[in-house]
Amino acid sequence: MTDNVLKRLADTLEARKTADPATSYVASLYAQGLDATLKKIGEEATELIIAATSGEKAAIIHETADLWFHTLVMLAQSGLGPEAILMELERRFDQSGLEEKAKRKTPQQF
């Protein structure tokens, strides 16, 4: 496995911003707007849930890859890349998940 697959994919997604939507799936998503990509993310998340429920490892891998891919498309559409997410995950690494969630609660939450 290569360590730079996210970088290579992010670079490809950026390049597709100027591609012909008739010849590129990603360019066609960009042309349809953010809502189309968000819809795909919802579809892929649902498919991943179904795959995980089935317990079929190959299906879980396939659907996770689809979800991650479409999430990366959304990030590119939003002017972000995977490095921003990796930096946020790194920031959280030494932090308790329970503590982090507690900090996010507002007085209005139960």
N, C-alpha and C. Protein backbone atom coordinates (compact mmCIF):
# COMPACT_ATOMS: atom_id res chain seq x y z
N MET A 1 0.85 -1.19 0.00
CA MET A 1 0.00 0.00 0.00
C MET A 1 0.88 1.24 0.00
N THR A 2 0.50 2.21 -0.77
CA THR A 2 1.28 3.44 -0.81
C THR A 2 0.72 4.44 0.18
N ASP A 3 1.62 5.16 0.82
CA ASP A 3 1.22 6.14 1.82
C ASP A 3 0.60 7.39 1.22
N ASN A 4 0.84 7.63 -0.05
CA ASN A 4 0.38 8.87 -0.65
C ASN A 4 -0.87 8.72 -1.50
N VAL A 5 -1.62 7.65 -1.29
CA VAL A 5 -2.81 7.43 -2.13
C VAL A 5 -3.83 8.56 -1.96
N LEU A 6 -3.99 9.07 -0.75
CA LEU A 6 -4.93 10.18 -0.56
C LEU A 6 -4.45 11.44 -1.29
N LYS A 7 -3.18 11.70 -1.27
CA LYS A 7 -2.63 12.86 -1.97
C LYS A 7 -2.81 12.71 -3.48
N ARG A 8 -2.52 11.52 -3.99
CA ARG A 8 -2.68 11.28 -5.43
C ARG A 8 -4.14 11.42 -5.84
N LEU A 9 -5.04 10.89 -5.03
CA LEU A 9 -6.45 11.00 -5.33
C LEU A 9 -6.92 12.45 -5.26
N ALA A 10 -6.47 13.18 -4.24
CA ALA A 10 -6.84 14.59 -4.11
C ALA A 10 -6.36 15.39 -5.33
N ASP A 11 -5.14 15.11 -5.78
CA ASP A 11 -4.61 15.79 -6.97
C ASP A 11 -5.45 15.48 -8.20
N THR A 12 -5.87 14.23 -8.34
CA THR A 12 -6.70 13.84 -9.47
C THR A 12 -8.06 14.53 -9.40
N LEU A 13 -8.64 14.59 -8.20
CA LEU A 13 -9.93 15.26 -8.06
C LEU A 13 -9.83 16.74 -8.40
N GLU A 14 -8.73 17.38 -8.03
CA GLU A 14 -8.52 18.79 -8.40
C GLU A 14 -8.43 18.93 -9.91
N ALA A 15 -7.70 18.03 -10.55
CA ALA A 15 -7.54 18.09 -12.01
C ALA A 15 -8.87 17.91 -12.73
N ARG A 16 -9.77 17.14 -12.15
CA ARG A 16 -11.06 16.90 -12.79
C ARG A 16 -11.97 18.14 -12.75
N LYS A 17 -11.59 19.14 -12.00
CA LYS A 17 -12.40 20.36 -11.96
C LYS A 17 -12.45 21.05 -13.31
N THR A 18 -11.46 20.79 -14.13
CA THR A 18 -11.42 21.41 -15.46
C THR A 18 -11.69 20.38 -16.57
N ALA A 19 -12.07 19.17 -16.19
CA ALA A 19 -12.33 18.11 -17.18
C ALA A 19 -13.74 18.26 -17.76
N ASP A 20 -13.95 17.60 -18.86
CA ASP A 20 -15.24 17.58 -19.54
C ASP A 20 -16.19 16.65 -18.79
N PRO A 21 -17.33 17.15 -18.34
CA PRO A 21 -18.28 16.30 -17.62
C PRO A 21 -18.78 15.11 -18.46
N ALA A 22 -18.68 15.21 -19.76
CA ALA A 22 -19.11 14.10 -20.62
C ALA A 22 -18.12 12.94 -20.60
N THR A 23 -16.89 13.21 -20.15
CA THR A 23 -15.86 12.17 -20.18
C THR A 23 -15.31 11.83 -18.80
N SER A 24 -15.80 12.50 -17.76
CA SER A 24 -15.30 12.26 -16.41
C SER A 24 -16.45 12.21 -15.42
N TYR A 25 -16.53 11.12 -14.67
CA TYR A 25 -17.57 10.98 -13.66
C TYR A 25 -17.45 12.09 -12.61
N VAL A 26 -16.24 12.35 -12.15
CA VAL A 26 -16.03 13.39 -11.13
C VAL A 26 -16.40 14.76 -11.68
N ALA A 27 -15.99 15.05 -12.91
CA ALA A 27 -16.36 16.33 -13.52
C ALA A 27 -17.88 16.45 -13.64
N SER A 28 -18.55 15.34 -13.90
CA SER A 28 -20.01 15.39 -13.99
C SER A 28 -20.64 15.68 -12.63
N LEU A 29 -20.05 15.13 -11.56
CA LEU A 29 -20.53 15.46 -10.22
C LEU A 29 -20.33 16.95 -9.93
N TYR A 30 -19.14 17.45 -10.25
CA TYR A 30 -18.88 18.88 -10.05
C TYR A 30 -19.90 19.73 -10.81
N ALA A 31 -20.19 19.35 -12.04
CA ALA A 31 -21.11 20.12 -12.88
C ALA A 31 -22.53 20.11 -12.30
N GLN A 32 -22.90 19.04 -11.62
CA GLN A 32 -24.23 18.95 -11.03
C GLN A 32 -24.34 19.72 -9.72
N GLY A 33 -23.21 20.08 -9.14
CA GLY A 33 -23.22 20.85 -7.91
C GLY A 33 -23.06 20.00 -6.66
N LEU A 34 -22.87 20.68 -5.55
CA LEU A 34 -22.60 20.02 -4.29
C LEU A 34 -23.74 19.09 -3.86
N ASP A 35 -24.97 19.48 -4.11
CA ASP A 35 -26.09 18.64 -3.70
C ASP A 35 -26.02 17.24 -4.31
N ALA A 36 -25.59 17.13 -5.54
CA ALA A 36 -25.47 15.82 -6.19
C ALA A 36 -24.42 14.97 -5.47
N THR A 37 -23.32 15.58 -5.09
CA THR A 37 -22.28 14.85 -4.37
C THR A 37 -22.77 14.44 -2.99
N LEU A 38 -23.47 15.33 -2.31
CA LEU A 38 -24.00 15.00 -0.99
C LEU A 38 -25.01 13.86 -1.06
N LYS A 39 -25.79 13.83 -2.11
CA LYS A 39 -26.74 12.74 -2.31
C LYS A 39 -25.99 11.42 -2.47
N LYS A 40 -24.90 11.45 -3.24
CA LYS A 40 -24.09 10.24 -3.43
C LYS A 40 -23.48 9.80 -2.10
N ILE A 41 -23.05 10.73 -1.28
CA ILE A 41 -22.50 10.37 0.03
C ILE A 41 -23.56 9.67 0.86
N GLY A 42 -24.77 10.18 0.84
CA GLY A 42 -25.86 9.54 1.57
C GLY A 42 -26.13 8.13 1.05
N GLU A 43 -26.14 7.97 -0.25
CA GLU A 43 -26.36 6.65 -0.85
C GLU A 43 -25.25 5.68 -0.45
N GLU A 44 -24.02 6.17 -0.54
CA GLU A 44 -22.88 5.30 -0.22
C GLU A 44 -22.87 4.94 1.26
N ALA A 45 -23.25 5.87 2.14
CA ALA A 45 -23.31 5.58 3.57
C ALA A 45 -24.35 4.49 3.84
N THR A 46 -25.49 4.59 3.18
CA THR A 46 -26.53 3.57 3.33
C THR A 46 -26.04 2.21 2.84
N GLU A 47 -25.38 2.19 1.70
CA GLU A 47 -24.85 0.94 1.17
C GLU A 47 -23.79 0.35 2.10
N LEU A 48 -23.00 1.20 2.73
CA LEU A 48 -22.00 0.71 3.68
C LEU A 48 -22.66 0.09 4.91
N ILE A 49 -23.71 0.72 5.39
CA ILE A 49 -24.44 0.17 6.54
C ILE A 49 -24.99 -1.21 6.20
N ILE A 50 -25.56 -1.35 5.01
CA ILE A 50 -26.09 -2.65 4.58
C ILE A 50 -24.96 -3.68 4.48
N ALA A 51 -23.84 -3.27 3.91
CA ALA A 51 -22.69 -4.18 3.79
C ALA A 51 -22.17 -4.59 5.15
N ALA A 52 -22.05 -3.64 6.06
CA ALA A 52 -21.55 -3.95 7.40
C ALA A 52 -22.50 -4.89 8.14
N THR A 53 -23.78 -4.68 7.94
CA THR A 53 -24.78 -5.54 8.57
C THR A 53 -24.66 -6.97 8.06
N SER A 54 -24.33 -7.11 6.78
CA SER A 54 -24.19 -8.45 6.19
C SER A 54 -22.93 -9.15 6.68
N GLY A 55 -21.94 -8.36 7.08
CA GLY A 55 -20.68 -8.93 7.55
C GLY A 55 -19.76 -9.38 6.44
N GLU A 56 -20.11 -9.12 5.20
CA GLU A 56 -19.27 -9.52 4.06
C GLU A 56 -18.10 -8.54 3.93
N LYS A 57 -16.91 -9.02 4.23
CA LYS A 57 -15.74 -8.15 4.26
C LYS A 57 -15.47 -7.47 2.92
N ALA A 58 -15.60 -8.18 1.83
CA ALA A 58 -15.35 -7.58 0.51
C ALA A 58 -16.34 -6.45 0.24
N ALA A 59 -17.59 -6.65 0.61
CA ALA A 59 -18.60 -5.61 0.41
C ALA A 59 -18.33 -4.41 1.32
N ILE A 60 -17.90 -4.67 2.54
CA ILE A 60 -17.57 -3.58 3.46
C ILE A 60 -16.42 -2.74 2.89
N ILE A 61 -15.40 -3.40 2.39
CA ILE A 61 -14.25 -2.69 1.81
C ILE A 61 -14.70 -1.87 0.60
N HIS A 62 -15.46 -2.48 -0.28
CA HIS A 62 -15.92 -1.80 -1.49
C HIS A 62 -16.76 -0.57 -1.16
N GLU A 63 -17.72 -0.74 -0.26
CA GLU A 63 -18.61 0.38 0.07
C GLU A 63 -17.90 1.47 0.87
N THR A 64 -16.94 1.09 1.71
CA THR A 64 -16.16 2.09 2.43
C THR A 64 -15.34 2.91 1.45
N ALA A 65 -14.75 2.24 0.47
CA ALA A 65 -13.98 2.96 -0.55
C ALA A 65 -14.88 3.93 -1.31
N ASP A 66 -16.10 3.49 -1.66
CA ASP A 66 -17.04 4.39 -2.35
C ASP A 66 -17.38 5.59 -1.49
N LEU A 67 -17.64 5.36 -0.20
CA LEU A 67 -17.99 6.46 0.70
C LEU A 67 -16.82 7.42 0.85
N TRP A 68 -15.63 6.89 1.06
CA TRP A 68 -14.46 7.76 1.19
C TRP A 68 -14.23 8.55 -0.08
N PHE A 69 -14.36 7.89 -1.24
CA PHE A 69 -14.16 8.56 -2.52
C PHE A 69 -15.10 9.75 -2.66
N HIS A 70 -16.38 9.52 -2.44
CA HIS A 70 -17.34 10.61 -2.62
C HIS A 70 -17.16 11.70 -1.56
N THR A 71 -16.71 11.32 -0.39
CA THR A 71 -16.40 12.32 0.64
C THR A 71 -15.22 13.18 0.19
N LEU A 72 -14.23 12.57 -0.43
CA LEU A 72 -13.09 13.33 -0.96
C LEU A 72 -13.53 14.27 -2.09
N VAL A 73 -14.48 13.84 -2.91
CA VAL A 73 -15.03 14.71 -3.95
C VAL A 73 -15.67 15.93 -3.30
N MET A 74 -16.47 15.69 -2.25
CA MET A 74 -17.13 16.80 -1.54
C MET A 74 -16.11 17.75 -0.93
N LEU A 75 -15.05 17.20 -0.36
CA LEU A 75 -14.00 18.06 0.21
C LEU A 75 -13.40 18.94 -0.89
N ALA A 76 -13.10 18.35 -2.04
CA ALA A 76 -12.53 19.12 -3.15
C ALA A 76 -13.50 20.21 -3.60
N GLN A 77 -14.79 19.88 -3.67
CA GLN A 77 -15.78 20.88 -4.04
C GLN A 77 -15.84 22.01 -3.03
N SER A 78 -15.50 21.69 -1.79
CA SER A 78 -15.55 22.69 -0.72
C SER A 78 -14.22 23.40 -0.53
N GLY A 79 -13.26 23.15 -1.42
CA GLY A 79 -11.96 23.80 -1.33
C GLY A 79 -11.06 23.20 -0.26
N LEU A 80 -11.33 21.95 0.10
CA LEU A 80 -10.53 21.27 1.13
C LEU A 80 -9.92 20.01 0.54
N GLY A 81 -8.97 19.47 1.25
CA GLY A 81 -8.37 18.21 0.85
C GLY A 81 -8.23 17.29 2.04
N PRO A 82 -7.77 16.09 1.80
CA PRO A 82 -7.65 15.12 2.89
C PRO A 82 -6.69 15.56 3.98
N GLU A 83 -5.73 16.41 3.64
CA GLU A 83 -4.76 16.84 4.65
C GLU A 83 -5.44 17.60 5.79
N ALA A 84 -6.49 18.34 5.50
CA ALA A 84 -7.22 19.07 6.56
C ALA A 84 -7.86 18.09 7.53
N ILE A 85 -8.39 17.00 7.01
CA ILE A 85 -9.03 15.99 7.85
C ILE A 85 -7.97 15.23 8.64
N LEU A 86 -6.88 14.89 7.99
CA LEU A 86 -5.80 14.19 8.68
C LEU A 86 -5.22 15.03 9.80
N MET A 87 -5.11 16.33 9.58
CA MET A 87 -4.62 17.22 10.63
C MET A 87 -5.58 17.25 11.82
N GLU A 88 -6.88 17.26 11.53
CA GLU A 88 -7.88 17.25 12.61
C GLU A 88 -7.82 15.93 13.38
N LEU A 89 -7.67 14.82 12.67
CA LEU A 89 -7.55 13.53 13.35
C LEU A 89 -6.28 13.48 14.20
N GLU A 90 -5.21 14.03 13.68
CA GLU A 90 -3.95 14.09 14.44
C GLU A 90 -4.13 14.92 15.70
N ARG A 91 -4.84 16.02 15.59
CA ARG A 91 -5.10 16.89 16.75
C ARG A 91 -5.85 16.12 17.83
N ARG A 92 -6.75 15.27 17.41
CA ARG A 92 -7.57 14.52 18.35
C ARG A 92 -6.89 13.28 18.92
N PHE A 93 -5.78 12.90 18.37
CA PHE A 93 -5.15 11.62 18.69
C PHE A 93 -4.90 11.43 20.18
N ASP A 94 -4.39 12.43 20.85
CA ASP A 94 -4.07 12.30 22.27
C ASP A 94 -5.19 12.79 23.17
N GLN A 95 -6.38 12.87 22.64
CA GLN A 95 -7.51 13.39 23.39
C GLN A 95 -8.54 12.28 23.58
N SER A 96 -9.08 12.20 24.76
CA SER A 96 -10.13 11.23 25.02
C SER A 96 -11.36 11.59 24.21
N GLY A 97 -11.94 10.60 23.55
CA GLY A 97 -13.16 10.84 22.78
C GLY A 97 -14.30 11.30 23.66
N LEU A 98 -14.39 10.77 24.86
CA LEU A 98 -15.44 11.18 25.79
C LEU A 98 -15.25 12.63 26.23
N GLU A 99 -14.01 13.01 26.49
CA GLU A 99 -13.73 14.41 26.87
C GLU A 99 -14.04 15.36 25.72
N GLU A 100 -13.65 14.96 24.50
CA GLU A 100 -13.88 15.81 23.34
C GLU A 100 -15.38 16.00 23.12
N LYS A 101 -16.16 14.95 23.24
CA LYS A 101 -17.61 15.06 23.08
C LYS A 101 -18.21 15.94 24.17
N ALA A 102 -17.73 15.82 25.38
CA ALA A 102 -18.24 16.62 26.50
C ALA A 102 -17.98 18.11 26.27
N LYS A 103 -16.86 18.45 25.66
CA LYS A 103 -16.54 19.85 25.38
C LYS A 103 -17.49 20.45 24.34
N ARG A 104 -18.03 19.60 23.47
CA ARG A 104 -18.92 20.09 22.41
C ARG A 104 -20.34 20.33 22.90
N LYS A 105 -20.71 19.78 24.03
CA LYS A 105 -22.08 19.93 24.52
C LYS A 105 -22.35 21.37 24.92
N THR A 106 -23.52 21.81 24.58
CA THR A 106 -23.95 23.15 24.98
C THR A 106 -24.94 23.00 26.12
N PRO A 107 -25.21 24.05 26.86
CA PRO A 107 -26.17 23.96 27.98
C PRO A 107 -27.55 23.51 27.54
N GLN A 108 -27.92 23.70 26.25
CA GLN A 108 -29.24 23.32 25.78
C GLN A 108 -29.36 21.83 25.51
N GLN A 109 -28.23 21.12 25.41
CA GLN A 109 -28.27 19.69 25.13
C GLN A 109 -28.57 18.91 26.41
N PHE A 110 -29.20 17.79 26.28
CA PHE A 110 -29.56 16.96 27.42
C PHE A 110 -28.56 15.86 27.62
